Amino acid sequence: YKQWYQRRVRDPCPQCNTPLPQTTLECGECKNTLPYCIVTGRHMLRDDWSECPSCAWPALYSVFKQFAENGKTPCPICNTVVNPAEIRLIEQPNLYAKLGETATSEG
């Protein structure tokens, strides 16, 4: 089942849009190492991007909102309790930001 799932479920590379298995963290097409979601471990998606309000590590917005919905869940990286109201969808993430730096585009 796992092999079938990995062959079938593909999401675009956030850098070049090449379809990749969700758990791939390096794109064979553009050769970039891909940022990963701190909740799922899957590579990030350009249109579902958020980050921890405390440590700025990336997380898939749709998953992070559910993960933190009770208001008592700590971030898997910095262990700070995440307020779901502070999680924002980042519409144009800076794909080249270093981990732990804000992914908001500037300019």
C-alpha atoms as a PDB file:
ATOM      1  CA  TYR A   1       0.000   0.000   0.000  1.00  0.00           C
ATOM      2  CA  LYS A   2       2.776   2.452   0.890  1.00  0.00           C
ATOM      3  CA  GLN A   3       4.475   2.088  -2.512  1.00  0.00           C
ATOM      4  CA  TRP A   4       1.158   2.516  -4.335  1.00  0.00           C
ATOM      5  CA  TYR A   5       0.357   5.619  -2.282  1.00  0.00           C
ATOM      6  CA  GLN A   6       3.759   7.179  -2.965  1.00  0.00           C
ATOM      7  CA  ARG A   7       3.386   6.587  -6.716  1.00  0.00           C
ATOM      8  CA  ARG A   8      -0.159   7.988  -6.848  1.00  0.00           C
ATOM      9  CA  VAL A   9      -0.240  10.905  -4.413  1.00  0.00           C
ATOM     10  CA  ARG A  10       1.849  13.709  -5.854  1.00  0.00           C
ATOM     11  CA  ASP A  11       2.051  17.404  -5.106  1.00  0.00           C
ATOM     12  CA  PRO A  12       3.956  20.066  -7.026  1.00  0.00           C
ATOM     13  CA  CYS A  13       7.485  21.034  -6.068  1.00  0.00           C
ATOM     14  CA  PRO A  14       7.179  24.508  -4.469  1.00  0.00           C
ATOM     15  CA  GLN A  15      10.161  25.648  -6.567  1.00  0.00           C
ATOM     16  CA  CYS A  16       9.485  24.344 -10.106  1.00  0.00           C
ATOM     17  CA  ASN A  17       6.006  22.726  -9.923  1.00  0.00           C
ATOM     18  CA  THR A  18       7.222  19.260 -10.963  1.00  0.00           C
ATOM     19  CA  PRO A  19       4.850  16.624  -9.506  1.00  0.00           C
ATOM     20  CA  LEU A  20       6.577  14.793  -6.641  1.00  0.00           C
ATOM     21  CA  PRO A  21       5.537  12.271  -3.998  1.00  0.00           C
ATOM     22  CA  GLN A  22       4.423  14.183  -0.884  1.00  0.00           C
ATOM     23  CA  THR A  23       7.257  12.789   1.221  1.00  0.00           C
ATOM     24  CA  THR A  24      10.044  13.718  -1.214  1.00  0.00           C
ATOM     25  CA  LEU A  25      12.299  16.418   0.210  1.00  0.00           C
ATOM     26  CA  GLU A  26      14.554  16.866  -2.813  1.00  0.00           C
ATOM     27  CA  CYS A  27      13.368  17.669  -6.319  1.00  0.00           C
ATOM     28  CA  GLY A  28      15.053  15.661  -9.046  1.00  0.00           C
ATOM     29  CA  GLU A  29      14.091  18.272 -11.645  1.00  0.00           C
ATOM     30  CA  CYS A  30      15.310  21.560 -10.112  1.00  0.00           C
ATOM     31  CA  LYS A  31      17.735  19.856  -7.664  1.00  0.00           C
ATOM     32  CA  ASN A  32      16.503  21.940  -4.715  1.00  0.00           C
ATOM     33  CA  THR A  33      16.174  20.649  -1.172  1.00  0.00           C
ATOM     34  CA  LEU A  34      12.556  21.274  -0.246  1.00  0.00           C
ATOM     35  CA  PRO A  35      11.297  22.771   3.008  1.00  0.00           C
ATOM     36  CA  TYR A  36       9.122  20.376   4.980  1.00  0.00           C
ATOM     37  CA  CYS A  37       6.051  20.736   7.159  1.00  0.00           C
ATOM     38  CA  ILE A  38       6.803  20.515  10.895  1.00  0.00           C
ATOM     39  CA  VAL A  39       3.519  18.665  11.469  1.00  0.00           C
ATOM     40  CA  THR A  40       3.485  16.074   8.667  1.00  0.00           C
ATOM     41  CA  GLY A  41       7.051  15.843   7.373  1.00  0.00           C
ATOM     42  CA  ARG A  42       5.721  16.272   3.814  1.00  0.00           C
ATOM     43  CA  HIS A  43       7.242  18.882   1.519  1.00  0.00           C
ATOM     44  CA  MET A  44       5.660  22.318   1.615  1.00  0.00           C
ATOM     45  CA  LEU A  45       3.131  23.537  -0.946  1.00  0.00           C
ATOM     46  CA  ARG A  46       3.316  27.074  -2.267  1.00  0.00           C
ATOM     47  CA  ASP A  47      -0.473  27.590  -1.939  1.00  0.00           C
ATOM     48  CA  ASP A  48      -0.816  26.045   1.550  1.00  0.00           C
ATOM     49  CA  TRP A  49       2.063  27.752   3.368  1.00  0.00           C
ATOM     50  CA  SER A  50       2.147  28.965   6.950  1.00  0.00           C
ATOM     51  CA  GLU A  51       4.687  29.019   9.721  1.00  0.00           C
ATOM     52  CA  CYS A  52       4.868  28.779  13.475  1.00  0.00           C
ATOM     53  CA  PRO A  53       4.184  32.249  14.914  1.00  0.00           C
ATOM     54  CA  SER A  54       7.026  31.725  17.418  1.00  0.00           C
ATOM     55  CA  CYS A  55       9.882  30.041  15.566  1.00  0.00           C
ATOM     56  CA  ALA A  56       8.884  30.656  11.901  1.00  0.00           C
ATOM     57  CA  TRP A  57       9.417  27.030  10.817  1.00  0.00           C
ATOM     58  CA  PRO A  58       7.115  26.138   7.906  1.00  0.00           C
ATOM     59  CA  ALA A  59       3.906  24.152   8.216  1.00  0.00           C
ATOM     60  CA  LEU A  60       1.134  23.317   5.790  1.00  0.00           C
ATOM     61  CA  TYR A  61      -1.574  25.845   6.659  1.00  0.00           C
ATOM     62  CA  SER A  62      -4.514  23.444   6.374  1.00  0.00           C
ATOM     63  CA  VAL A  63      -2.823  20.873   8.602  1.00  0.00           C
ATOM     64  CA  PHE A  64      -1.346  23.346  11.114  1.00  0.00           C
ATOM     65  CA  LYS A  65      -4.749  24.970  11.778  1.00  0.00           C
ATOM     66  CA  GLN A  66      -6.251  21.568  12.639  1.00  0.00           C
ATOM     67  CA  PHE A  67      -3.172  20.557  14.615  1.00  0.00           C
ATOM     68  CA  ALA A  68      -3.427  23.651  16.830  1.00  0.00           C
ATOM     69  CA  GLU A  69      -7.213  24.036  16.987  1.00  0.00           C
ATOM     70  CA  ASN A  70      -7.530  23.269  20.705  1.00  0.00           C
ATOM     71  CA  GLY A  71      -5.157  26.142  21.605  1.00  0.00           C
ATOM     72  CA  LYS A  72      -3.095  23.872  23.864  1.00  0.00           C
ATOM     73  CA  THR A  73      -0.848  22.159  21.328  1.00  0.00           C
ATOM     74  CA  PRO A  74       2.867  23.026  21.329  1.00  0.00           C
ATOM     75  CA  CYS A  75       4.874  23.563  18.149  1.00  0.00           C
ATOM     76  CA  PRO A  76       6.893  20.412  17.350  1.00  0.00           C
ATOM     77  CA  ILE A  77      10.038  22.543  16.899  1.00  0.00           C
ATOM     78  CA  CYS A  78      10.042  25.262  19.585  1.00  0.00           C
ATOM     79  CA  ASN A  79       7.532  23.701  22.025  1.00  0.00           C
ATOM     80  CA  THR A  80       5.616  26.995  22.320  1.00  0.00           C
ATOM     81  CA  VAL A  81       1.825  26.610  22.574  1.00  0.00           C
ATOM     82  CA  VAL A  82       0.375  27.673  19.215  1.00  0.00           C
ATOM     83  CA  ASN A  83      -2.619  29.998  19.187  1.00  0.00           C
ATOM     84  CA  PRO A  84      -4.623  28.963  16.087  1.00  0.00           C
ATOM     85  CA  ALA A  85      -5.746  32.584  15.582  1.00  0.00           C
ATOM     86  CA  GLU A  86      -2.096  33.556  14.969  1.00  0.00           C
ATOM     87  CA  ILE A  87      -1.574  31.052  12.134  1.00  0.00           C
ATOM     88  CA  ARG A  88      -1.665  32.880   8.813  1.00  0.00           C
ATOM     89  CA  LEU A  89      -1.757  31.667   5.224  1.00  0.00           C
ATOM     90  CA  ILE A  90       1.318  33.088   3.509  1.00  0.00           C
ATOM     91  CA  GLU A  91       0.254  33.799  -0.047  1.00  0.00           C
ATOM     92  CA  GLN A  92       3.686  34.480  -1.536  1.00  0.00           C
ATOM     93  CA  PRO A  93       6.248  32.669   0.585  1.00  0.00           C
ATOM     94  CA  ASN A  94       9.944  33.380   0.216  1.00  0.00           C
ATOM     95  CA  LEU A  95      10.957  29.894  -0.881  1.00  0.00           C
ATOM     96  CA  TYR A  96      14.608  30.635  -0.221  1.00  0.00           C
ATOM     97  CA  ALA A  97      14.230  31.709   3.422  1.00  0.00           C
ATOM     98  CA  LYS A  98      16.389  29.746   5.810  1.00  0.00           C
ATOM     99  CA  LEU A  99      14.553  27.475   8.224  1.00  0.00           C
ATOM    100  CA  GLY A 100      13.464  29.455  11.243  1.00  0.00           C
ATOM    101  CA  GLU A 101      13.339  32.762   9.306  1.00  0.00           C
ATOM    102  CA  THR A 102      10.067  34.272   8.211  1.00  0.00           C
ATOM    103  CA  ALA A 103       8.852  33.062   4.825  1.00  0.00           C
ATOM    104  CA  THR A 104       7.042  36.286   3.986  1.00  0.00           C
ATOM    105  CA  SER A 105       8.226  37.746   0.694  1.00  0.00           C
ATOM    106  CA  GLU A 106       9.803  41.151   0.788  1.00  0.00           C
ATOM    107  CA  GLY A 107       9.560  43.396  -2.251  1.00  0.00           C
END
